[in-house]
Each structure stands twice: as C-alpha cells, then as structure tokens.
PDB file of all heavy atoms in Angstrom:
ATOM      1  N   GLN A   1      -3.656  18.015   8.249  1.00  0.00           N
ATOM      2  CA  GLN A   1      -2.573  18.385   9.159  1.00  0.00           C
ATOM      3  C   GLN A   1      -1.582  19.353   8.502  1.00  0.00           C
ATOM      4  O   GLN A   1      -0.831  20.036   9.193  1.00  0.00           O
ATOM      5  CB  GLN A   1      -1.825  17.135   9.619  1.00  0.00           C
ATOM      6  CG  GLN A   1      -2.648  16.199  10.483  1.00  0.00           C
ATOM      7  CD  GLN A   1      -1.871  14.954  10.872  1.00  0.00           C
ATOM      8  OE1 GLN A   1      -0.649  14.982  11.005  1.00  0.00           O
ATOM      9  NE2 GLN A   1      -2.571  13.848  11.045  1.00  0.00           N
ATOM     10  N   GLU A   2      -1.580  19.376   7.184  1.00  0.00           N
ATOM     11  CA  GLU A   2      -0.710  20.268   6.409  1.00  0.00           C
ATOM     12  C   GLU A   2       0.749  20.187   6.870  1.00  0.00           C
ATOM     13  O   GLU A   2       1.387  21.194   7.175  1.00  0.00           O
ATOM     14  CB  GLU A   2      -1.242  21.707   6.471  1.00  0.00           C
ATOM     15  CG  GLU A   2      -2.614  21.834   5.837  1.00  0.00           C
ATOM     16  CD  GLU A   2      -3.083  23.261   5.681  1.00  0.00           C
ATOM     17  OE1 GLU A   2      -3.650  23.814   6.653  1.00  0.00           O
ATOM     18  OE2 GLU A   2      -2.878  23.836   4.598  1.00  0.00           O
ATOM     19  N   THR A   3       1.261  18.974   6.900  1.00  0.00           N
ATOM     20  CA  THR A   3       2.653  18.755   7.303  1.00  0.00           C
ATOM     21  C   THR A   3       3.641  19.134   6.198  1.00  0.00           C
ATOM     22  O   THR A   3       4.823  19.318   6.462  1.00  0.00           O
ATOM     23  CB  THR A   3       2.879  17.273   7.638  1.00  0.00           C
ATOM     24  OG1 THR A   3       2.673  16.494   6.447  1.00  0.00           O
ATOM     25  CG2 THR A   3       1.921  16.800   8.717  1.00  0.00           C
ATOM     26  N   GLY A   4       3.138  19.200   4.965  1.00  0.00           N
ATOM     27  CA  GLY A   4       4.030  19.435   3.830  1.00  0.00           C
ATOM     28  C   GLY A   4       4.545  18.139   3.234  1.00  0.00           C
ATOM     29  O   GLY A   4       5.108  18.130   2.135  1.00  0.00           O
ATOM     30  N   ASN A   5       4.377  17.033   3.971  1.00  0.00           N
ATOM     31  CA  ASN A   5       4.785  15.733   3.442  1.00  0.00           C
ATOM     32  C   ASN A   5       3.748  15.204   2.462  1.00  0.00           C
ATOM     33  O   ASN A   5       2.586  15.592   2.497  1.00  0.00           O
ATOM     34  CB  ASN A   5       4.940  14.711   4.577  1.00  0.00           C
ATOM     35  CG  ASN A   5       6.098  15.028   5.497  1.00  0.00           C
ATOM     36  OD1 ASN A   5       7.119  15.553   5.065  1.00  0.00           O
ATOM     37  ND2 ASN A   5       5.952  14.711   6.772  1.00  0.00           N
ATOM     38  N   PHE A   6       4.162  14.298   1.602  1.00  0.00           N
ATOM     39  CA  PHE A   6       3.233  13.560   0.775  1.00  0.00           C
ATOM     40  C   PHE A   6       2.771  12.342   1.566  1.00  0.00           C
ATOM     41  O   PHE A   6       3.268  12.068   2.666  1.00  0.00           O
ATOM     42  CB  PHE A   6       3.890  13.145  -0.538  1.00  0.00           C
ATOM     43  CG  PHE A   6       4.311  14.313  -1.409  1.00  0.00           C
ATOM     44  CD1 PHE A   6       5.271  14.144  -2.399  1.00  0.00           C
ATOM     45  CD2 PHE A   6       3.754  15.574  -1.249  1.00  0.00           C
ATOM     46  CE1 PHE A   6       5.666  15.202  -3.209  1.00  0.00           C
ATOM     47  CE2 PHE A   6       4.139  16.640  -2.046  1.00  0.00           C
ATOM     48  CZ  PHE A   6       5.102  16.447  -3.032  1.00  0.00           C
ATOM     49  N   SER A   7       1.825  11.590   1.026  1.00  0.00           N
ATOM     50  CA  SER A   7       1.300  10.437   1.756  1.00  0.00           C
ATOM     51  C   SER A   7       0.734   9.413   0.789  1.00  0.00           C
ATOM     52  O   SER A   7       0.529   9.696  -0.390  1.00  0.00           O
ATOM     53  CB  SER A   7       0.211  10.875   2.755  1.00  0.00           C
ATOM     54  OG  SER A   7      -0.814  11.604   2.095  1.00  0.00           O
ATOM     55  N   MET A   8       0.496   8.225   1.306  1.00  0.00           N
ATOM     56  CA  MET A   8      -0.176   7.187   0.536  1.00  0.00           C
ATOM     57  C   MET A   8      -0.988   6.329   1.491  1.00  0.00           C
ATOM     58  O   MET A   8      -0.637   6.187   2.661  1.00  0.00           O
ATOM     59  CB  MET A   8       0.817   6.304  -0.213  1.00  0.00           C
ATOM     60  CG  MET A   8       1.740   5.491   0.681  1.00  0.00           C
ATOM     61  SD  MET A   8       2.411   4.011  -0.108  1.00  0.00           S
ATOM     62  CE  MET A   8       0.969   2.944  -0.041  1.00  0.00           C
ATOM     63  N   VAL A   9      -2.099   5.807   0.984  1.00  0.00           N
ATOM     64  CA  VAL A   9      -2.864   4.829   1.758  1.00  0.00           C
ATOM     65  C   VAL A   9      -2.556   3.462   1.183  1.00  0.00           C
ATOM     66  O   VAL A   9      -2.762   3.214  -0.005  1.00  0.00           O
ATOM     67  CB  VAL A   9      -4.376   5.104   1.688  1.00  0.00           C
ATOM     68  CG1 VAL A   9      -5.145   3.964   2.358  1.00  0.00           C
ATOM     69  CG2 VAL A   9      -4.707   6.421   2.372  1.00  0.00           C
ATOM     70  N   GLY A  10      -2.029   2.580   2.036  1.00  0.00           N
ATOM     71  CA  GLY A  10      -1.742   1.221   1.624  1.00  0.00           C
ATOM     72  C   GLY A  10      -2.792   0.263   2.156  1.00  0.00           C
ATOM     73  O   GLY A  10      -3.528   0.584   3.099  1.00  0.00           O
ATOM     74  N   PHE A  11      -2.863  -0.896   1.545  1.00  0.00           N
ATOM     75  CA  PHE A  11      -3.812  -1.932   1.949  1.00  0.00           C
ATOM     76  C   PHE A  11      -3.064  -3.221   2.265  1.00  0.00           C
ATOM     77  O   PHE A  11      -1.967  -3.450   1.747  1.00  0.00           O
ATOM     78  CB  PHE A  11      -4.826  -2.191   0.822  1.00  0.00           C
ATOM     79  CG  PHE A  11      -5.799  -1.069   0.610  1.00  0.00           C
ATOM     80  CD1 PHE A  11      -5.405   0.102  -0.025  1.00  0.00           C
ATOM     81  CD2 PHE A  11      -7.100  -1.164   1.064  1.00  0.00           C
ATOM     82  CE1 PHE A  11      -6.293   1.158  -0.215  1.00  0.00           C
ATOM     83  CE2 PHE A  11      -8.000  -0.118   0.889  1.00  0.00           C
ATOM     84  CZ  PHE A  11      -7.591   1.043   0.244  1.00  0.00           C
ATOM     85  N   ARG A  12      -3.659  -4.058   3.088  1.00  0.00           N
ATOM     86  CA  ARG A  12      -3.078  -5.364   3.356  1.00  0.00           C
ATOM     87  C   ARG A  12      -3.212  -6.222   2.095  1.00  0.00           C
ATOM     88  O   ARG A  12      -4.288  -6.287   1.493  1.00  0.00           O
ATOM     89  CB  ARG A  12      -3.791  -6.046   4.515  1.00  0.00           C
ATOM     90  CG  ARG A  12      -3.789  -5.253   5.821  1.00  0.00           C
ATOM     91  CD  ARG A  12      -2.393  -5.034   6.365  1.00  0.00           C
ATOM     92  NE  ARG A  12      -2.441  -4.295   7.642  1.00  0.00           N
ATOM     93  CZ  ARG A  12      -1.379  -3.861   8.298  1.00  0.00           C
ATOM     94  NH1 ARG A  12      -0.161  -4.070   7.808  1.00  0.00           N
ATOM     95  NH2 ARG A  12      -1.512  -3.208   9.437  1.00  0.00           N
ATOM     96  N   LEU A  13      -2.134  -6.873   1.730  1.00  0.00           N
ATOM     97  CA  LEU A  13      -2.119  -7.678   0.512  1.00  0.00           C
ATOM     98  C   LEU A  13      -3.313  -8.616   0.421  1.00  0.00           C
ATOM     99  O   LEU A  13      -3.984  -8.697  -0.626  1.00  0.00           O
ATOM    100  CB  LEU A  13      -0.817  -8.484   0.440  1.00  0.00           C
ATOM    101  CG  LEU A  13      -0.697  -9.487  -0.713  1.00  0.00           C
ATOM    102  CD1 LEU A  13      -0.716  -8.777  -2.060  1.00  0.00           C
ATOM    103  CD2 LEU A  13       0.586 -10.315  -0.556  1.00  0.00           C
ATOM    104  N   VAL A  14      -3.608  -9.316   1.505  1.00  0.00           N
ATOM    105  CA  VAL A  14      -4.673 -10.314   1.490  1.00  0.00           C
ATOM    106  C   VAL A  14      -6.034  -9.700   1.160  1.00  0.00           C
ATOM    107  O   VAL A  14      -6.934 -10.383   0.669  1.00  0.00           O
ATOM    108  CB  VAL A  14      -4.728 -11.056   2.849  1.00  0.00           C
ATOM    109  CG1 VAL A  14      -5.222 -10.132   3.962  1.00  0.00           C
ATOM    110  CG2 VAL A  14      -5.566 -12.325   2.745  1.00  0.00           C
ATOM    111  N   ASN A  15      -6.175  -8.392   1.389  1.00  0.00           N
ATOM    112  CA  ASN A  15      -7.444  -7.707   1.120  1.00  0.00           C
ATOM    113  C   ASN A  15      -7.548  -7.172  -0.299  1.00  0.00           C
ATOM    114  O   ASN A  15      -8.501  -6.456  -0.621  1.00  0.00           O
ATOM    115  CB  ASN A  15      -7.634  -6.545   2.109  1.00  0.00           C
ATOM    116  CG  ASN A  15      -7.912  -7.028   3.515  1.00  0.00           C
ATOM    117  OD1 ASN A  15      -8.453  -8.112   3.716  1.00  0.00           O
ATOM    118  ND2 ASN A  15      -7.557  -6.220   4.502  1.00  0.00           N
ATOM    119  N   THR A  16      -6.579  -7.496  -1.142  1.00  0.00           N
ATOM    120  CA  THR A  16      -6.572  -6.923  -2.496  1.00  0.00           C
ATOM    121  C   THR A  16      -6.510  -7.982  -3.599  1.00  0.00           C
ATOM    122  O   THR A  16      -6.326  -7.641  -4.765  1.00  0.00           O
ATOM    123  CB  THR A  16      -5.364  -5.979  -2.685  1.00  0.00           C
ATOM    124  OG1 THR A  16      -4.151  -6.758  -2.769  1.00  0.00           O
ATOM    125  CG2 THR A  16      -5.255  -4.970  -1.567  1.00  0.00           C
ATOM    126  N   LEU A  17      -6.657  -9.245  -3.226  1.00  0.00           N
ATOM    127  CA  LEU A  17      -6.429 -10.323  -4.195  1.00  0.00           C
ATOM    128  C   LEU A  17      -7.733 -10.849  -4.801  1.00  0.00           C
ATOM    129  O   LEU A  17      -8.822 -10.565  -4.316  1.00  0.00           O
ATOM    130  CB  LEU A  17      -5.661 -11.463  -3.517  1.00  0.00           C
ATOM    131  CG  LEU A  17      -4.325 -11.048  -2.895  1.00  0.00           C
ATOM    132  CD1 LEU A  17      -3.696 -12.234  -2.170  1.00  0.00           C
ATOM    133  CD2 LEU A  17      -3.369 -10.508  -3.961  1.00  0.00           C
ATOM    134  N   THR A  18      -7.609 -11.609  -5.883  1.00  0.00           N
ATOM    135  CA  THR A  18      -8.760 -12.202  -6.551  1.00  0.00           C
ATOM    136  C   THR A  18      -8.530 -13.695  -6.748  1.00  0.00           C
ATOM    137  O   THR A  18      -7.379 -14.137  -6.896  1.00  0.00           O
ATOM    138  CB  THR A  18      -9.014 -11.538  -7.919  1.00  0.00           C
ATOM    139  OG1 THR A  18     -10.035 -12.274  -8.619  1.00  0.00           O
ATOM    140  CG2 THR A  18      -7.759 -11.543  -8.792  1.00  0.00           C
ATOM    141  N   GLU A  19      -9.605 -14.437  -6.769  1.00  0.00           N
ATOM    142  CA  GLU A  19      -9.526 -15.881  -7.015  1.00  0.00           C
ATOM    143  C   GLU A  19      -9.436 -16.180  -8.514  1.00  0.00           C
ATOM    144  O   GLU A  19      -9.250 -17.325  -8.909  1.00  0.00           O
ATOM    145  CB  GLU A  19     -10.781 -16.573  -6.456  1.00  0.00           C
ATOM    146  CG  GLU A  19     -10.958 -16.463  -4.956  1.00  0.00           C
ATOM    147  CD  GLU A  19      -9.984 -17.336  -4.175  1.00  0.00           C
ATOM    148  OE1 GLU A  19      -9.433 -18.275  -4.778  1.00  0.00           O
ATOM    149  OE2 GLU A  19      -9.767 -17.067  -2.979  1.00  0.00           O
ATOM    150  N   ASN A  20      -9.562 -15.152  -9.335  1.00  0.00           N
ATOM    151  CA  ASN A  20      -9.716 -15.378 -10.776  1.00  0.00           C
ATOM    152  C   ASN A  20      -8.443 -15.204 -11.590  1.00  0.00           C
ATOM    153  O   ASN A  20      -8.484 -15.218 -12.817  1.00  0.00           O
ATOM    154  CB  ASN A  20     -10.804 -14.440 -11.310  1.00  0.00           C
ATOM    155  CG  ASN A  20     -12.148 -14.732 -10.668  1.00  0.00           C
ATOM    156  OD1 ASN A  20     -12.590 -15.870 -10.649  1.00  0.00           O
ATOM    157  ND2 ASN A  20     -12.771 -13.712 -10.110  1.00  0.00           N
ATOM    158  N   GLY A  21      -7.297 -15.036 -10.934  1.00  0.00           N
ATOM    159  CA  GLY A  21      -6.042 -14.905 -11.658  1.00  0.00           C
ATOM    160  C   GLY A  21      -5.014 -14.169 -10.819  1.00  0.00           C
ATOM    161  O   GLY A  21      -5.257 -13.856  -9.653  1.00  0.00           O
ATOM    162  N   THR A  22      -3.876 -13.897 -11.406  1.00  0.00           N
ATOM    163  CA  THR A  22      -2.840 -13.159 -10.693  1.00  0.00           C
ATOM    164  C   THR A  22      -3.034 -11.653 -10.858  1.00  0.00           C
ATOM    165  O   THR A  22      -3.708 -11.195 -11.785  1.00  0.00           O
ATOM    166  CB  THR A  22      -1.437 -13.552 -11.199  1.00  0.00           C
ATOM    167  OG1 THR A  22      -1.336 -13.230 -12.601  1.00  0.00           O
ATOM    168  CG2 THR A  22      -1.175 -15.026 -10.992  1.00  0.00           C
ATOM    169  N   VAL A  23      -2.440 -10.895  -9.954  1.00  0.00           N
ATOM    170  CA  VAL A  23      -2.533  -9.429  -9.997  1.00  0.00           C
ATOM    171  C   VAL A  23      -1.147  -8.824  -9.808  1.00  0.00           C
ATOM    172  O   VAL A  23      -0.214  -9.488  -9.349  1.00  0.00           O
ATOM    173  CB  VAL A  23      -3.480  -8.898  -8.894  1.00  0.00           C
ATOM    174  CG1 VAL A  23      -4.902  -9.400  -9.106  1.00  0.00           C
ATOM    175  CG2 VAL A  23      -2.978  -9.292  -7.512  1.00  0.00           C
ATOM    176  N   SER A  24      -1.032  -7.563 -10.170  1.00  0.00           N
ATOM    177  CA  SER A  24       0.197  -6.799  -9.914  1.00  0.00           C
ATOM    178  C   SER A  24      -0.045  -5.888  -8.722  1.00  0.00           C
ATOM    179  O   SER A  24      -1.093  -5.242  -8.642  1.00  0.00           O
ATOM    180  CB  SER A  24       0.570  -5.958 -11.136  1.00  0.00           C
ATOM    181  OG  SER A  24       0.859  -6.764 -12.239  1.00  0.00           O
ATOM    182  N   ARG A  25       0.925  -5.818  -7.810  1.00  0.00           N
ATOM    183  CA  ARG A  25       0.801  -4.946  -6.653  1.00  0.00           C
ATOM    184  C   ARG A  25       2.155  -4.305  -6.347  1.00  0.00           C
ATOM    185  O   ARG A  25       3.207  -4.938  -6.505  1.00  0.00           O
ATOM    186  CB  ARG A  25       0.335  -5.729  -5.416  1.00  0.00           C
ATOM    187  CG  ARG A  25      -1.062  -6.339  -5.539  1.00  0.00           C
ATOM    188  CD  ARG A  25      -2.133  -5.277  -5.507  1.00  0.00           C
ATOM    189  NE  ARG A  25      -3.482  -5.828  -5.626  1.00  0.00           N
ATOM    190  CZ  ARG A  25      -4.209  -5.809  -6.735  1.00  0.00           C
ATOM    191  NH1 ARG A  25      -3.697  -5.270  -7.835  1.00  0.00           N
ATOM    192  NH2 ARG A  25      -5.442  -6.292  -6.762  1.00  0.00           N
ATOM    193  N   GLY A  26       2.117  -3.066  -5.889  1.00  0.00           N
ATOM    194  CA  GLY A  26       3.316  -2.386  -5.449  1.00  0.00           C
ATOM    195  C   GLY A  26       3.561  -2.708  -3.988  1.00  0.00           C
ATOM    196  O   GLY A  26       2.812  -2.255  -3.109  1.00  0.00           O
ATOM    197  N   VAL A  27       4.566  -3.502  -3.694  1.00  0.00           N
ATOM    198  CA  VAL A  27       4.854  -3.932  -2.318  1.00  0.00           C
ATOM    199  C   VAL A  27       5.663  -2.844  -1.617  1.00  0.00           C
ATOM    200  O   VAL A  27       6.739  -2.455  -2.083  1.00  0.00           O
ATOM    201  CB  VAL A  27       5.622  -5.265  -2.309  1.00  0.00           C
ATOM    202  CG1 VAL A  27       5.955  -5.683  -0.884  1.00  0.00           C
ATOM    203  CG2 VAL A  27       4.794  -6.350  -3.004  1.00  0.00           C
ATOM    204  N   CYS A  28       5.157  -2.377  -0.492  1.00  0.00           N
ATOM    205  CA  CYS A  28       5.735  -1.203   0.174  1.00  0.00           C
ATOM    206  C   CYS A  28       6.645  -1.582   1.339  1.00  0.00           C
ATOM    207  O   CYS A  28       6.337  -2.488   2.119  1.00  0.00           O
ATOM    208  CB  CYS A  28       4.614  -0.302   0.700  1.00  0.00           C
ATOM    209  SG  CYS A  28       3.485   0.276  -0.570  1.00  0.00           S
ATOM    210  N   SER A  29       7.730  -0.854   1.449  1.00  0.00           N
ATOM    211  CA  SER A  29       8.599  -0.934   2.626  1.00  0.00           C
ATOM    212  C   SER A  29       8.582   0.430   3.301  1.00  0.00           C
ATOM    213  O   SER A  29       8.559   1.466   2.624  1.00  0.00           O
ATOM    214  CB  SER A  29      10.028  -1.296   2.214  1.00  0.00           C
ATOM    215  OG  SER A  29      10.073  -2.561   1.589  1.00  0.00           O
ATOM    216  N   ALA A  30       8.583   0.417   4.629  1.00  0.00           N
ATOM    217  CA  ALA A  30       8.522   1.679   5.366  1.00  0.00           C
ATOM    218  C   ALA A  30       9.471   1.646   6.547  1.00  0.00           C
ATOM    219  O   ALA A  30       9.838   0.579   7.058  1.00  0.00           O
ATOM    220  CB  ALA A  30       7.106   1.954   5.844  1.00  0.00           C
ATOM    221  N   GLU A  31       9.864   2.826   6.974  1.00  0.00           N
ATOM    222  CA  GLU A  31      10.726   2.971   8.144  1.00  0.00           C
ATOM    223  C   GLU A  31      10.234   4.166   8.938  1.00  0.00           C
ATOM    224  O   GLU A  31      10.120   5.272   8.399  1.00  0.00           O
ATOM    225  CB  GLU A  31      12.177   3.196   7.683  1.00  0.00           C
ATOM    226  CG  GLU A  31      13.211   2.996   8.779  1.00  0.00           C
ATOM    227  CD  GLU A  31      14.627   3.038   8.212  1.00  0.00           C
ATOM    228  OE1 GLU A  31      14.984   2.148   7.421  1.00  0.00           O
ATOM    229  OE2 GLU A  31      15.342   3.988   8.571  1.00  0.00           O
ATOM    230  N   GLY A  32       9.886   3.924  10.195  1.00  0.00           N
ATOM    231  CA  GLY A  32       9.375   5.011  11.026  1.00  0.00           C
ATOM    232  C   GLY A  32       8.073   5.594  10.519  1.00  0.00           C
ATOM    233  O   GLY A  32       7.763   6.757  10.779  1.00  0.00           O
ATOM    234  N   GLY A  33       7.295   4.768   9.789  1.00  0.00           N
ATOM    235  CA  GLY A  33       6.012   5.232   9.275  1.00  0.00           C
ATOM    236  C   GLY A  33       6.097   5.936   7.937  1.00  0.00           C
ATOM    237  O   GLY A  33       5.074   6.408   7.420  1.00  0.00           O
ATOM    238  N   TYR A  34       7.311   6.005   7.365  1.00  0.00           N
ATOM    239  CA  TYR A  34       7.474   6.691   6.084  1.00  0.00           C
ATOM    240  C   TYR A  34       7.971   5.715   5.017  1.00  0.00           C
ATOM    241  O   TYR A  34       8.803   4.845   5.285  1.00  0.00           O
ATOM    242  CB  TYR A  34       8.441   7.871   6.224  1.00  0.00           C
ATOM    243  CG  TYR A  34       7.853   8.997   7.041  1.00  0.00           C
ATOM    244  CD1 TYR A  34       8.066   9.049   8.424  1.00  0.00           C
ATOM    245  CD2 TYR A  34       7.058   9.977   6.458  1.00  0.00           C
ATOM    246  CE1 TYR A  34       7.502  10.058   9.192  1.00  0.00           C
ATOM    247  CE2 TYR A  34       6.489  10.984   7.220  1.00  0.00           C
ATOM    248  CZ  TYR A  34       6.723  11.022   8.577  1.00  0.00           C
ATOM    249  OH  TYR A  34       6.154  12.020   9.342  1.00  0.00           O
TER     250      TYR A  34
END
C-alpha cells in the first residue's frame, strides 16, 4: 500500500506459549489500529 507508515504483525498470546517453561513477550497496546 506504500502508506509510508511502519507496521508490525502481532499474534494472540495464547498462540505463542509453551508447556515447557515461561517465555518473554512484548505485550502490545493499540489505538485506532496503530
């Protein structure tokens, strides 16, 4: 789309976890999709 904005693809927390220990994740907050 070449908007000039940057972007990121985020994932649902539950889809990124493991049963084998704890993990570090960057928890995102957004407003108006940004």
